[in-house]
Amino acid sequence: QVQVVESGGGLVQPGGSLRLSCTASGTIFVIPKMAWYRQAPGKERELVAAAASSDSDSDRVEYAAGVRGRFTISRDNAAKAVYLQMDSLRPEDTAIYYCNVVAVRSWGLIPHDYWGQGTQVTVSS
């Protein structure tokens, strides 16, 4: 199995910063993609940022329009970890943030999605 654990959520004032961390463990051959999603009350889960492995040294990254320029996703492939640095936080960033890991458990198998339990981020004065 693959386990995904997030940490780093909390309460922060508007304009503040938080850093989320996520680590994958278990039987893993390769992780093509790691991403952060969020779900606010009454809304659907949405992609925040994603980092996909590429043939080059740098990962391909993408951001939701509403967080581009404020959030930064980064990966530590050796540690099977992904981070989300969130700056200039706004009340509308309040949500449960979920880590998503797309992993291949063994050579020749297809990738599967694995999710963490979520971590609450609340932006309020």
PDB file of N, CA and C in Angstrom:
ATOM      1  N   GLN A   1       0.822  -1.201   0.000  1.00  0.00           N
ATOM      2  CA  GLN A   1       0.000   0.000   0.000  1.00  0.00           C
ATOM      3  C   GLN A   1       0.855   1.248   0.000  1.00  0.00           C
ATOM      4  N   VAL A   2       0.205   2.345  -0.314  1.00  0.00           N
ATOM      5  CA  VAL A   2       0.868   3.650  -0.304  1.00  0.00           C
ATOM      6  C   VAL A   2       0.151   4.531   0.706  1.00  0.00           C
ATOM      7  N   GLN A   3       0.915   5.132   1.597  1.00  0.00           N
ATOM      8  CA  GLN A   3       0.357   6.037   2.586  1.00  0.00           C
ATOM      9  C   GLN A   3       0.787   7.467   2.244  1.00  0.00           C
ATOM     10  N   VAL A   4      -0.156   8.387   2.423  1.00  0.00           N
ATOM     11  CA  VAL A   4       0.095   9.800   2.144  1.00  0.00           C
ATOM     12  C   VAL A   4      -0.286  10.595   3.387  1.00  0.00           C
ATOM     13  N   VAL A   5       0.638  11.377   3.890  1.00  0.00           N
ATOM     14  CA  VAL A   5       0.399  12.127   5.128  1.00  0.00           C
ATOM     15  C   VAL A   5       0.761  13.593   4.911  1.00  0.00           C
ATOM     16  N   GLU A   6      -0.207  14.457   5.228  1.00  0.00           N
ATOM     17  CA  GLU A   6       0.025  15.906   5.126  1.00  0.00           C
ATOM     18  C   GLU A   6       0.235  16.501   6.506  1.00  0.00           C
ATOM     19  N   SER A   7       0.848  17.671   6.533  1.00  0.00           N
ATOM     20  CA  SER A   7       0.984  18.433   7.763  1.00  0.00           C
ATOM     21  C   SER A   7       1.193  19.898   7.401  1.00  0.00           C
ATOM     22  N   GLY A   8       1.021  20.768   8.394  1.00  0.00           N
ATOM     23  CA  GLY A   8       1.337  22.168   8.197  1.00  0.00           C
ATOM     24  C   GLY A   8       0.170  23.121   8.132  1.00  0.00           C
ATOM     25  N   GLY A   9      -1.042  22.627   8.206  1.00  0.00           N
ATOM     26  CA  GLY A   9      -2.185  23.527   8.168  1.00  0.00           C
ATOM     27  C   GLY A   9      -2.325  24.302   9.470  1.00  0.00           C
ATOM     28  N   GLY A  10      -3.294  25.212   9.491  1.00  0.00           N
ATOM     29  CA  GLY A  10      -3.525  25.982  10.701  1.00  0.00           C
ATOM     30  C   GLY A  10      -4.292  27.254  10.430  1.00  0.00           C
ATOM     31  N   LEU A  11      -4.298  28.124  11.423  1.00  0.00           N
ATOM     32  CA  LEU A  11      -4.991  29.415  11.340  1.00  0.00           C
ATOM     33  C   LEU A  11      -3.962  30.510  11.100  1.00  0.00           C
ATOM     34  N   VAL A  12      -4.225  31.355  10.128  1.00  0.00           N
ATOM     35  CA  VAL A  12      -3.306  32.436   9.804  1.00  0.00           C
ATOM     36  C   VAL A  12      -4.108  33.671   9.417  1.00  0.00           C
ATOM     37  N   GLN A  13      -3.560  34.845   9.676  1.00  0.00           N
ATOM     38  CA  GLN A  13      -4.231  36.090   9.322  1.00  0.00           C
ATOM     39  C   GLN A  13      -4.051  36.380   7.832  1.00  0.00           C
ATOM     40  N   PRO A  14      -4.975  37.130   7.265  1.00  0.00           N
ATOM     41  CA  PRO A  14      -4.817  37.530   5.852  1.00  0.00           C
ATOM     42  C   PRO A  14      -3.471  38.199   5.622  1.00  0.00           C
ATOM     43  N   GLY A  15      -2.844  37.806   4.518  1.00  0.00           N
ATOM     44  CA  GLY A  15      -1.512  38.315   4.211  1.00  0.00           C
ATOM     45  C   GLY A  15      -0.399  37.463   4.762  1.00  0.00           C
ATOM     46  N   GLY A  16      -0.734  36.500   5.600  1.00  0.00           N
ATOM     47  CA  GLY A  16       0.269  35.642   6.197  1.00  0.00           C
ATOM     48  C   GLY A  16       0.682  34.495   5.294  1.00  0.00           C
ATOM     49  N   SER A  17       1.524  33.611   5.854  1.00  0.00           N
ATOM     50  CA  SER A  17       2.072  32.493   5.096  1.00  0.00           C
ATOM     51  C   SER A  17       1.930  31.195   5.866  1.00  0.00           C
ATOM     52  N   LEU A  18       1.844  30.114   5.112  1.00  0.00           N
ATOM     53  CA  LEU A  18       1.870  28.767   5.660  1.00  0.00           C
ATOM     54  C   LEU A  18       2.623  27.882   4.685  1.00  0.00           C
ATOM     55  N   ARG A  19       3.194  26.821   5.212  1.00  0.00           N
ATOM     56  CA  ARG A  19       3.878  25.839   4.372  1.00  0.00           C
ATOM     57  C   ARG A  19       3.313  24.463   4.678  1.00  0.00           C
ATOM     58  N   LEU A  20       2.746  23.846   3.665  1.00  0.00           N
ATOM     59  CA  LEU A  20       2.217  22.489   3.802  1.00  0.00           C
ATOM     60  C   LEU A  20       3.257  21.479   3.338  1.00  0.00           C
ATOM     61  N   SER A  21       3.266  20.344   4.015  1.00  0.00           N
ATOM     62  CA  SER A  21       4.174  19.261   3.652  1.00  0.00           C
ATOM     63  C   SER A  21       3.389  17.987   3.447  1.00  0.00           C
ATOM     64  N   CYS A  22       3.891  17.147   2.577  1.00  0.00           N
ATOM     65  CA  CYS A  22       3.243  15.865   2.296  1.00  0.00           C
ATOM     66  C   CYS A  22       4.318  14.845   1.969  1.00  0.00           C
ATOM     67  N   THR A  23       4.189  13.675   2.580  1.00  0.00           N
ATOM     68  CA  THR A  23       5.156  12.602   2.336  1.00  0.00           C
ATOM     69  C   THR A  23       4.424  11.324   1.977  1.00  0.00           C
ATOM     70  N   ALA A  24       4.923  10.650   0.961  1.00  0.00           N
ATOM     71  CA  ALA A  24       4.380   9.358   0.564  1.00  0.00           C
ATOM     72  C   ALA A  24       5.320   8.253   1.038  1.00  0.00           C
ATOM     73  N   SER A  25       4.725   7.144   1.466  1.00  0.00           N
ATOM     74  CA  SER A  25       5.535   6.015   1.911  1.00  0.00           C
ATOM     75  C   SER A  25       4.870   4.716   1.502  1.00  0.00           C
ATOM     76  N   GLY A  26       5.610   3.631   1.614  1.00  0.00           N
ATOM     77  CA  GLY A  26       5.091   2.336   1.215  1.00  0.00           C
ATOM     78  C   GLY A  26       5.835   1.809   0.007  1.00  0.00           C
ATOM     79  N   THR A  27       5.230   0.865  -0.671  1.00  0.00           N
ATOM     80  CA  THR A  27       5.850   0.253  -1.850  1.00  0.00           C
ATOM     81  C   THR A  27       5.625   1.160  -3.054  1.00  0.00           C
ATOM     82  N   ILE A  28       6.677   1.871  -3.463  1.00  0.00           N
ATOM     83  CA  ILE A  28       6.580   2.839  -4.549  1.00  0.00           C
ATOM     84  C   ILE A  28       7.749   2.653  -5.507  1.00  0.00           C
ATOM     85  N   PHE A  29       7.436   2.520  -6.778  1.00  0.00           N
ATOM     86  CA  PHE A  29       8.482   2.410  -7.806  1.00  0.00           C
ATOM     87  C   PHE A  29       8.843   3.788  -8.357  1.00  0.00           C
ATOM     88  N   VAL A  30       7.822   4.558  -8.683  1.00  0.00           N
ATOM     89  CA  VAL A  30       8.043   5.906  -9.207  1.00  0.00           C
ATOM     90  C   VAL A  30       6.784   6.737  -8.959  1.00  0.00           C
ATOM     91  N   ILE A  31       6.981   8.032  -8.825  1.00  0.00           N
ATOM     92  CA  ILE A  31       5.855   8.960  -8.602  1.00  0.00           C
ATOM     93  C   ILE A  31       5.838   9.965  -9.748  1.00  0.00           C
ATOM     94  N   PRO A  32       4.993   9.720 -10.752  1.00  0.00           N
ATOM     95  CA  PRO A  32       4.965  10.648 -11.892  1.00  0.00           C
ATOM     96  C   PRO A  32       4.447  12.033 -11.545  1.00  0.00           C
ATOM     97  N   LYS A  33       3.569  12.125 -10.520  1.00  0.00           N
ATOM     98  CA  LYS A  33       2.948  13.409 -10.243  1.00  0.00           C
ATOM     99  C   LYS A  33       2.591  13.514  -8.769  1.00  0.00           C
ATOM    100  N   MET A  34       2.798  14.721  -8.208  1.00  0.00           N
ATOM    101  CA  MET A  34       2.341  15.046  -6.864  1.00  0.00           C
ATOM    102  C   MET A  34       1.623  16.384  -6.951  1.00  0.00           C
ATOM    103  N   ALA A  35       0.533  16.498  -6.224  1.00  0.00           N
ATOM    104  CA  ALA A  35      -0.280  17.707  -6.366  1.00  0.00           C
ATOM    105  C   ALA A  35      -0.977  18.050  -5.063  1.00  0.00           C
ATOM    106  N   TRP A  36      -1.462  19.270  -5.003  1.00  0.00           N
ATOM    107  CA  TRP A  36      -2.288  19.742  -3.905  1.00  0.00           C
ATOM    108  C   TRP A  36      -3.653  20.141  -4.454  1.00  0.00           C
ATOM    109  N   TYR A  37      -4.690  19.687  -3.781  1.00  0.00           N
ATOM    110  CA  TYR A  37      -6.056  20.074  -4.070  1.00  0.00           C
ATOM    111  C   TYR A  37      -6.622  20.715  -2.808  1.00  0.00           C
ATOM    112  N   ARG A  38      -7.733  21.393  -2.965  1.00  0.00           N
ATOM    113  CA  ARG A  38      -8.418  21.940  -1.803  1.00  0.00           C
ATOM    114  C   ARG A  38      -9.917  21.884  -2.014  1.00  0.00           C
ATOM    115  N   GLN A  39     -10.619  21.855  -0.888  1.00  0.00           N
ATOM    116  CA  GLN A  39     -12.080  21.839  -0.928  1.00  0.00           C
ATOM    117  C   GLN A  39     -12.610  22.752   0.154  1.00  0.00           C
ATOM    118  N   ALA A  40     -13.306  23.793  -0.266  1.00  0.00           N
ATOM    119  CA  ALA A  40     -13.934  24.724   0.654  1.00  0.00           C
ATOM    120  C   ALA A  40     -15.347  24.248   0.950  1.00  0.00           C
ATOM    121  N   PRO A  41     -15.932  24.668   2.061  1.00  0.00           N
ATOM    122  CA  PRO A  41     -17.305  24.245   2.390  1.00  0.00           C
ATOM    123  C   PRO A  41     -18.286  24.586   1.272  1.00  0.00           C
ATOM    124  N   GLY A  42     -19.052  23.583   0.880  1.00  0.00           N
ATOM    125  CA  GLY A  42     -20.059  23.797  -0.151  1.00  0.00           C
ATOM    126  C   GLY A  42     -19.535  23.850  -1.565  1.00  0.00           C
ATOM    127  N   LYS A  43     -18.248  23.607  -1.732  1.00  0.00           N
ATOM    128  CA  LYS A  43     -17.655  23.666  -3.064  1.00  0.00           C
ATOM    129  C   LYS A  43     -17.011  22.343  -3.426  1.00  0.00           C
ATOM    130  N   GLU A  44     -16.759  22.161  -4.718  1.00  0.00           N
ATOM    131  CA  GLU A  44     -16.102  20.956  -5.178  1.00  0.00           C
ATOM    132  C   GLU A  44     -14.592  21.047  -4.941  1.00  0.00           C
ATOM    133  N   ARG A  45     -13.975  19.891  -4.880  1.00  0.00           N
ATOM    134  CA  ARG A  45     -12.517  19.849  -4.737  1.00  0.00           C
ATOM    135  C   ARG A  45     -11.884  20.388  -6.021  1.00  0.00           C
ATOM    136  N   GLU A  46     -10.858  21.219  -5.856  1.00  0.00           N
ATOM    137  CA  GLU A  46     -10.214  21.832  -7.011  1.00  0.00           C
ATOM    138  C   GLU A  46      -8.701  21.699  -6.916  1.00  0.00           C
ATOM    139  N   LEU A  47      -8.076  21.654  -8.080  1.00  0.00           N
ATOM    140  CA  LEU A  47      -6.623  21.604  -8.145  1.00  0.00           C
ATOM    141  C   LEU A  47      -6.038  22.945  -7.735  1.00  0.00           C
ATOM    142  N   VAL A  48      -5.038  22.910  -6.871  1.00  0.00           N
ATOM    143  CA  VAL A  48      -4.325  24.120  -6.470  1.00  0.00           C
ATOM    144  C   VAL A  48      -3.005  24.212  -7.224  1.00  0.00           C
ATOM    145  N   ALA A  49      -2.220  23.138  -7.163  1.00  0.00           N
ATOM    146  CA  ALA A  49      -0.915  23.127  -7.824  1.00  0.00           C
ATOM    147  C   ALA A  49      -0.483  21.683  -8.027  1.00  0.00           C
ATOM    148  N   ALA A  50       0.295  21.458  -9.080  1.00  0.00           N
ATOM    149  CA  ALA A  50       0.767  20.115  -9.380  1.00  0.00           C
ATOM    150  C   ALA A  50       2.194  20.178  -9.887  1.00  0.00           C
ATOM    151  N   ALA A  51       2.947  19.127  -9.598  1.00  0.00           N
ATOM    152  CA  ALA A  51       4.331  19.021 -10.069  1.00  0.00           C
ATOM    153  C   ALA A  51       4.519  17.628 -10.633  1.00  0.00           C
ATOM    154  N   ALA A  52       4.804  17.548 -11.928  1.00  0.00           N
ATOM    155  CA  ALA A  52       4.979  16.275 -12.605  1.00  0.00           C
ATOM    156  C   ALA A  52       6.449  16.074 -12.929  1.00  0.00           C
ATOM    157  N   SER A  53       6.924  14.861 -12.764  1.00  0.00           N
ATOM    158  CA  SER A  53       8.307  14.564 -13.090  1.00  0.00           C
ATOM    159  C   SER A  53       8.504  14.607 -14.585  1.00  0.00           C
ATOM    160  N   SER A  54       9.669  15.049 -14.967  1.00  0.00           N
ATOM    161  CA  SER A  54       9.994  15.100 -16.380  1.00  0.00           C
ATOM    162  C   SER A  54      11.367  14.482 -16.586  1.00  0.00           C
ATOM    163  N   ASP A  55      11.781  14.408 -17.842  1.00  0.00           N
ATOM    164  CA  ASP A  55      13.085  13.841 -18.135  1.00  0.00           C
ATOM    165  C   ASP A  55      14.212  14.777 -17.726  1.00  0.00           C
ATOM    166  N   SER A  56      13.898  16.037 -17.603  1.00  0.00           N
ATOM    167  CA  SER A  56      14.929  17.007 -17.215  1.00  0.00           C
ATOM    168  C   SER A  56      15.040  17.053 -15.694  1.00  0.00           C
ATOM    169  N   ASP A  57      15.911  17.844 -15.202  1.00  0.00           N
ATOM    170  CA  ASP A  57      16.094  17.955 -13.760  1.00  0.00           C
ATOM    171  C   ASP A  57      14.951  18.692 -13.090  1.00  0.00           C
ATOM    172  N   SER A  58      14.254  19.513 -13.814  1.00  0.00           N
ATOM    173  CA  SER A  58      13.183  20.294 -13.204  1.00  0.00           C
ATOM    174  C   SER A  58      11.842  19.634 -13.462  1.00  0.00           C
ATOM    175  N   ASP A  59      10.958  19.755 -12.511  1.00  0.00           N
ATOM    176  CA  ASP A  59       9.613  19.219 -12.658  1.00  0.00           C
ATOM    177  C   ASP A  59       8.737  20.233 -13.383  1.00  0.00           C
ATOM    178  N   ARG A  60       7.771  19.701 -14.116  1.00  0.00           N
ATOM    179  CA  ARG A  60       6.785  20.577 -14.729  1.00  0.00           C
ATOM    180  C   ARG A  60       5.750  20.936 -13.667  1.00  0.00           C
ATOM    181  N   VAL A  61       5.458  22.196 -13.536  1.00  0.00           N
ATOM    182  CA  VAL A  61       4.500  22.627 -12.532  1.00  0.00           C
ATOM    183  C   VAL A  61       3.355  23.390 -13.173  1.00  0.00           C
ATOM    184  N   GLU A  62       2.214  23.338 -12.502  1.00  0.00           N
ATOM    185  CA  GLU A  62       1.062  24.116 -12.931  1.00  0.00           C
ATOM    186  C   GLU A  62       0.340  24.612 -11.697  1.00  0.00           C
ATOM    187  N   TYR A  63      -0.334  25.751 -11.838  1.00  0.00           N
ATOM    188  CA  TYR A  63      -1.041  26.376 -10.731  1.00  0.00           C
ATOM    189  C   TYR A  63      -2.441  26.779 -11.178  1.00  0.00           C
ATOM    190  N   ALA A  64      -3.354  26.759 -10.220  1.00  0.00           N
ATOM    191  CA  ALA A  64      -4.667  27.354 -10.461  1.00  0.00           C
ATOM    192  C   ALA A  64      -4.483  28.852 -10.618  1.00  0.00           C
ATOM    193  N   ALA A  65      -5.332  29.452 -11.411  1.00  0.00           N
ATOM    194  CA  ALA A  65      -5.188  30.879 -11.704  1.00  0.00           C
ATOM    195  C   ALA A  65      -5.226  31.725 -10.432  1.00  0.00           C
ATOM    196  N   GLY A  66      -6.040  31.334  -9.476  1.00  0.00           N
ATOM    197  CA  GLY A  66      -6.217  32.151  -8.278  1.00  0.00           C
ATOM    198  C   GLY A  66      -5.063  32.116  -7.290  1.00  0.00           C
ATOM    199  N   VAL A  67      -4.110  31.209  -7.486  1.00  0.00           N
ATOM    200  CA  VAL A  67      -2.985  31.114  -6.553  1.00  0.00           C
ATOM    201  C   VAL A  67      -1.645  31.401  -7.221  1.00  0.00           C
ATOM    202  N   ARG A  68      -1.646  31.506  -8.541  1.00  0.00           N
ATOM    203  CA  ARG A  68      -0.387  31.729  -9.258  1.00  0.00           C
ATOM    204  C   ARG A  68       0.238  33.039  -8.790  1.00  0.00           C
ATOM    205  N   GLY A  69       1.526  32.968  -8.476  1.00  0.00           N
ATOM    206  CA  GLY A  69       2.236  34.143  -7.977  1.00  0.00           C
ATOM    207  C   GLY A  69       2.236  34.244  -6.467  1.00  0.00           C
ATOM    208  N   ARG A  70       1.362  33.490  -5.806  1.00  0.00           N
ATOM    209  CA  ARG A  70       1.307  33.505  -4.331  1.00  0.00           C
ATOM    210  C   ARG A  70       1.738  32.177  -3.728  1.00  0.00           C
ATOM    211  N   PHE A  71       1.439  31.086  -4.422  1.00  0.00           N
ATOM    212  CA  PHE A  71       1.776  29.754  -3.930  1.00  0.00           C
ATOM    213  C   PHE A  71       2.927  29.177  -4.758  1.00  0.00           C
ATOM    214  N   THR A  72       3.743  28.357  -4.113  1.00  0.00           N
ATOM    215  CA  THR A  72       4.848  27.689  -4.798  1.00  0.00           C
ATOM    216  C   THR A  72       4.877  26.221  -4.406  1.00  0.00           C
ATOM    217  N   ILE A  73       4.818  25.353  -5.398  1.00  0.00           N
ATOM    218  CA  ILE A  73       4.911  23.921  -5.153  1.00  0.00           C
ATOM    219  C   ILE A  73       6.333  23.458  -5.443  1.00  0.00           C
ATOM    220  N   SER A  74       6.806  22.534  -4.615  1.00  0.00           N
ATOM    221  CA  SER A  74       8.141  21.985  -4.837  1.00  0.00           C
ATOM    222  C   SER A  74       8.154  20.533  -4.405  1.00  0.00           C
ATOM    223  N   ARG A  75       9.065  19.764  -4.994  1.00  0.00           N
ATOM    224  CA  ARG A  75       9.173  18.344  -4.686  1.00  0.00           C
ATOM    225  C   ARG A  75      10.581  18.003  -4.229  1.00  0.00           C
ATOM    226  N   ASP A  76      10.633  17.021  -3.353  1.00  0.00           N
ATOM    227  CA  ASP A  76      11.899  16.376  -2.993  1.00  0.00           C
ATOM    228  C   ASP A  76      11.716  14.920  -3.394  1.00  0.00           C
ATOM    229  N   ASN A  77      12.182  14.576  -4.586  1.00  0.00           N
ATOM    230  CA  ASN A  77      11.904  13.244  -5.111  1.00  0.00           C
ATOM    231  C   ASN A  77      12.557  12.145  -4.278  1.00  0.00           C
ATOM    232  N   ALA A  78      13.727  12.418  -3.757  1.00  0.00           N
ATOM    233  CA  ALA A  78      14.401  11.406  -2.941  1.00  0.00           C
ATOM    234  C   ALA A  78      13.614  11.104  -1.667  1.00  0.00           C
ATOM    235  N   ALA A  79      12.963  12.114  -1.129  1.00  0.00           N
ATOM    236  CA  ALA A  79      12.189  11.946   0.102  1.00  0.00           C
ATOM    237  C   ALA A  79      10.735  11.603  -0.176  1.00  0.00           C
ATOM    238  N   LYS A  80      10.370  11.530  -1.449  1.00  0.00           N
ATOM    239  CA  LYS A  80       8.976  11.285  -1.835  1.00  0.00           C
ATOM    240  C   LYS A  80       8.066  12.310  -1.152  1.00  0.00           C
ATOM    241  N   ALA A  81       8.461  13.557  -1.216  1.00  0.00           N
ATOM    242  CA  ALA A  81       7.737  14.622  -0.535  1.00  0.00           C
ATOM    243  C   ALA A  81       7.389  15.748  -1.494  1.00  0.00           C
ATOM    244  N   VAL A  82       6.320  16.435  -1.156  1.00  0.00           N
ATOM    245  CA  VAL A  82       5.921  17.617  -1.900  1.00  0.00           C
ATOM    246  C   VAL A  82       5.517  18.682  -0.890  1.00  0.00           C
ATOM    247  N   TYR A  83       5.798  19.939  -1.249  1.00  0.00           N
ATOM    248  CA  TYR A  83       5.538  21.041  -0.350  1.00  0.00           C
ATOM    249  C   TYR A  83       4.715  22.101  -1.076  1.00  0.00           C
ATOM    250  N   LEU A  84       3.966  22.861  -0.294  1.00  0.00           N
ATOM    251  CA  LEU A  84       3.221  23.976  -0.849  1.00  0.00           C
ATOM    252  C   LEU A  84       3.474  25.186   0.032  1.00  0.00           C
ATOM    253  N   GLN A  85       4.250  26.125  -0.471  1.00  0.00           N
ATOM    254  CA  GLN A  85       4.488  27.379   0.226  1.00  0.00           C
ATOM    255  C   GLN A  85       3.389  28.347  -0.170  1.00  0.00           C
ATOM    256  N   MET A  86       2.634  28.796   0.803  1.00  0.00           N
ATOM    257  CA  MET A  86       1.499  29.676   0.544  1.00  0.00           C
ATOM    258  C   MET A  86       1.774  31.037   1.167  1.00  0.00           C
ATOM    259  N   ASP A  87       1.886  32.050   0.338  1.00  0.00           N
ATOM    260  CA  ASP A  87       2.141  33.419   0.787  1.00  0.00           C
ATOM    261  C   ASP A  87       0.950  34.304   0.417  1.00  0.00           C
ATOM    262  N   SER A  88       0.900  35.466   1.053  1.00  0.00           N
ATOM    263  CA  SER A  88      -0.170  36.427   0.783  1.00  0.00           C
ATOM    264  C   SER A  88      -1.541  35.758   0.842  1.00  0.00           C
ATOM    265  N   LEU A  89      -1.756  35.001   1.895  1.00  0.00           N
ATOM    266  CA  LEU A  89      -3.002  34.234   2.007  1.00  0.00           C
ATOM    267  C   LEU A  89      -4.209  35.158   2.144  1.00  0.00           C
ATOM    268  N   ARG A  90      -5.302  34.686   1.583  1.00  0.00           N
ATOM    269  CA  ARG A  90      -6.568  35.427   1.583  1.00  0.00           C
ATOM    270  C   ARG A  90      -7.649  34.579   2.241  1.00  0.00           C
ATOM    271  N   PRO A  91      -8.701  35.215   2.741  1.00  0.00           N
ATOM    272  CA  PRO A  91      -9.793  34.439   3.346  1.00  0.00           C
ATOM    273  C   PRO A  91     -10.363  33.389   2.399  1.00  0.00           C
ATOM    274  N   GLU A  92     -10.377  33.673   1.113  1.00  0.00           N
ATOM    275  CA  GLU A  92     -10.922  32.708   0.151  1.00  0.00           C
ATOM    276  C   GLU A  92     -10.025  31.494  -0.056  1.00  0.00           C
ATOM    277  N   ASP A  93      -8.827  31.507   0.535  1.00  0.00           N
ATOM    278  CA  ASP A  93      -7.972  30.327   0.495  1.00  0.00           C
ATOM    279  C   ASP A  93      -8.353  29.320   1.581  1.00  0.00           C
ATOM    280  N   THR A  94      -9.274  29.702   2.450  1.00  0.00           N
ATOM    281  CA  THR A  94      -9.712  28.804   3.519  1.00  0.00           C
ATOM    282  C   THR A  94     -10.337  27.549   2.927  1.00  0.00           C
ATOM    283  N   ALA A  95      -9.815  26.399   3.338  1.00  0.00           N
ATOM    284  CA  ALA A  95     -10.285  25.126   2.791  1.00  0.00           C
ATOM    285  C   ALA A  95      -9.528  23.990   3.477  1.00  0.00           C
ATOM    286  N   ILE A  96      -9.972  22.783   3.196  1.00  0.00           N
ATOM    287  CA  ILE A  96      -9.178  21.611   3.547  1.00  0.00           C
ATOM    288  C   ILE A  96      -8.281  21.323   2.349  1.00  0.00           C
ATOM    289  N   TYR A  97      -7.000  21.204   2.608  1.00  0.00           N
ATOM    290  CA  TYR A  97      -6.022  20.960   1.548  1.00  0.00           C
ATOM    291  C   TYR A  97      -5.634  19.479   1.565  1.00  0.00           C
ATOM    292  N   TYR A  98      -5.698  18.878   0.386  1.00  0.00           N
ATOM    293  CA  TYR A  98      -5.399  17.461   0.249  1.00  0.00           C
ATOM    294  C   TYR A  98      -4.175  17.261  -0.642  1.00  0.00           C
ATOM    295  N   CYS A  99      -3.340  16.339  -0.223  1.00  0.00           N
ATOM    296  CA  CYS A  99      -2.198  15.944  -1.043  1.00  0.00           C
ATOM    297  C   CYS A  99      -2.610  14.769  -1.925  1.00  0.00           C
ATOM    298  N   ASN A 100      -2.269  14.851  -3.187  1.00  0.00           N
ATOM    299  CA  ASN A 100      -2.547  13.786  -4.146  1.00  0.00           C
ATOM    300  C   ASN A 100      -1.236  13.261  -4.707  1.00  0.00           C
ATOM    301  N   VAL A 101      -1.070  11.964  -4.636  1.00  0.00           N
ATOM    302  CA  VAL A 101       0.137  11.312  -5.153  1.00  0.00           C
ATOM    303  C   VAL A 101      -0.276  10.313  -6.230  1.00  0.00           C
ATOM    304  N   VAL A 102       0.245  10.493  -7.419  1.00  0.00           N
ATOM    305  CA  VAL A 102       0.046   9.525  -8.490  1.00  0.00           C
ATOM    306  C   VAL A 102       1.292   8.652  -8.526  1.00  0.00           C
ATOM    307  N   ALA A 103       1.132   7.390  -8.131  1.00  0.00           N
ATOM    308  CA  ALA A 103       2.297   6.530  -7.946  1.00  0.00           C
ATOM    309  C   ALA A 103       2.142   5.217  -8.699  1.00  0.00           C
ATOM    310  N   VAL A 104       3.282   4.703  -9.112  1.00  0.00           N
ATOM    311  CA  VAL A 104       3.374   3.364  -9.691  1.00  0.00           C
ATOM    312  C   VAL A 104       4.066   2.481  -8.653  1.00  0.00           C
ATOM    313  N   ARG A 105       3.423   1.402  -8.260  1.00  0.00           N
ATOM    314  CA  ARG A 105       3.953   0.609  -7.158  1.00  0.00           C
ATOM    315  C   ARG A 105       5.042  -0.363  -7.599  1.00  0.00           C
ATOM    316  N   SER A 106       5.003  -0.749  -8.880  1.00  0.00           N
ATOM    317  CA  SER A 106       6.013  -1.684  -9.366  1.00  0.00           C
ATOM    318  C   SER A 106       6.142  -1.520 -10.869  1.00  0.00           C
ATOM    319  N   TRP A 107       7.295  -1.883 -11.421  1.00  0.00           N
ATOM    320  CA  TRP A 107       7.524  -1.734 -12.843  1.00  0.00           C
ATOM    321  C   TRP A 107       6.469  -2.513 -13.615  1.00  0.00           C
ATOM    322  N   GLY A 108       5.892  -1.864 -14.638  1.00  0.00           N
ATOM    323  CA  GLY A 108       4.890  -2.522 -15.471  1.00  0.00           C
ATOM    324  C   GLY A 108       3.467  -2.293 -15.028  1.00  0.00           C
ATOM    325  N   LEU A 109       3.267  -1.757 -13.821  1.00  0.00           N
ATOM    326  CA  LEU A 109       1.914  -1.488 -13.345  1.00  0.00           C
ATOM    327  C   LEU A 109       1.486  -0.089 -13.774  1.00  0.00           C
ATOM    328  N   ILE A 110       0.182   0.139 -13.763  1.00  0.00           N
ATOM    329  CA  ILE A 110      -0.328   1.458 -14.139  1.00  0.00           C
ATOM    330  C   ILE A 110      -0.327   2.376 -12.909  1.00  0.00           C
ATOM    331  N   PRO A 111      -0.287   3.678 -13.127  1.00  0.00           N
ATOM    332  CA  PRO A 111      -0.330   4.604 -11.992  1.00  0.00           C
ATOM    333  C   PRO A 111      -1.692   4.598 -11.301  1.00  0.00           C
ATOM    334  N   HIS A 112      -1.673   4.846 -10.014  1.00  0.00           N
ATOM    335  CA  HIS A 112      -2.913   4.994  -9.227  1.00  0.00           C
ATOM    336  C   HIS A 112      -2.831   6.264  -8.394  1.00  0.00           C
ATOM    337  N   ASP A 113      -4.013   6.795  -8.096  1.00  0.00           N
ATOM    338  CA  ASP A 113      -4.109   7.974  -7.236  1.00  0.00           C
ATOM    339  C   ASP A 113      -4.187   7.563  -5.774  1.00  0.00           C
ATOM    340  N   TYR A 114      -3.439   8.287  -4.949  1.00  0.00           N
ATOM    341  CA  TYR A 114      -3.505   8.107  -3.511  1.00  0.00           C
ATOM    342  C   TYR A 114      -3.688   9.480  -2.873  1.00  0.00           C
ATOM    343  N   TRP A 115      -4.496   9.516  -1.801  1.00  0.00           N
ATOM    344  CA  TRP A 115      -4.852  10.785  -1.169  1.00  0.00           C
ATOM    345  C   TRP A 115      -4.503  10.773   0.310  1.00  0.00           C
ATOM    346  N   GLY A 116      -4.133  11.949   0.799  1.00  0.00           N
ATOM    347  CA  GLY A 116      -3.974  12.126   2.224  1.00  0.00           C
ATOM    348  C   GLY A 116      -5.309  12.419   2.877  1.00  0.00           C
ATOM    349  N   GLN A 117      -5.273  12.566   4.185  1.00  0.00           N
ATOM    350  CA  GLN A 117      -6.506  12.771   4.944  1.00  0.00           C
ATOM    351  C   GLN A 117      -6.947  14.229   4.936  1.00  0.00           C
ATOM    352  N   GLY A 118      -6.082  15.120   4.495  1.00  0.00           N
ATOM    353  CA  GLY A 118      -6.418  16.536   4.429  1.00  0.00           C
ATOM    354  C   GLY A 118      -5.933  17.303   5.650  1.00  0.00           C
ATOM    355  N   THR A 119      -5.632  18.564   5.434  1.00  0.00           N
ATOM    356  CA  THR A 119      -5.226  19.440   6.527  1.00  0.00           C
ATOM    357  C   THR A 119      -5.957  20.775   6.372  1.00  0.00           C
ATOM    358  N   GLN A 120      -6.502  21.264   7.466  1.00  0.00           N
ATOM    359  CA  GLN A 120      -7.319  22.477   7.428  1.00  0.00           C
ATOM    360  C   GLN A 120      -6.444  23.722   7.385  1.00  0.00           C
ATOM    361  N   VAL A 121      -6.766  24.607   6.452  1.00  0.00           N
ATOM    362  CA  VAL A 121      -6.140  25.925   6.385  1.00  0.00           C
ATOM    363  C   VAL A 121      -7.243  26.963   6.541  1.00  0.00           C
ATOM    364  N   THR A 122      -7.107  27.810   7.544  1.00  0.00           N
ATOM    365  CA  THR A 122      -8.098  28.853   7.804  1.00  0.00           C
ATOM    366  C   THR A 122      -7.404  30.209   7.784  1.00  0.00           C
ATOM    367  N   VAL A 123      -7.899  31.085   6.930  1.00  0.00           N
ATOM    368  CA  VAL A 123      -7.334  32.435   6.816  1.00  0.00           C
ATOM    369  C   VAL A 123      -8.382  33.406   7.335  1.00  0.00           C
ATOM    370  N   SER A 124      -8.101  33.990   8.491  1.00  0.00           N
ATOM    371  CA  SER A 124      -9.085  34.856   9.132  1.00  0.00           C
ATOM    372  C   SER A 124      -8.385  35.800  10.097  1.00  0.00           C
ATOM    373  N   SER A 125      -8.969  36.979  10.235  1.00  0.00           N
ATOM    374  CA  SER A 125      -8.441  37.937  11.209  1.00  0.00           C
ATOM    375  C   SER A 125      -9.178  37.813  12.538  1.00  0.00           C
TER     376      SER A 125
END
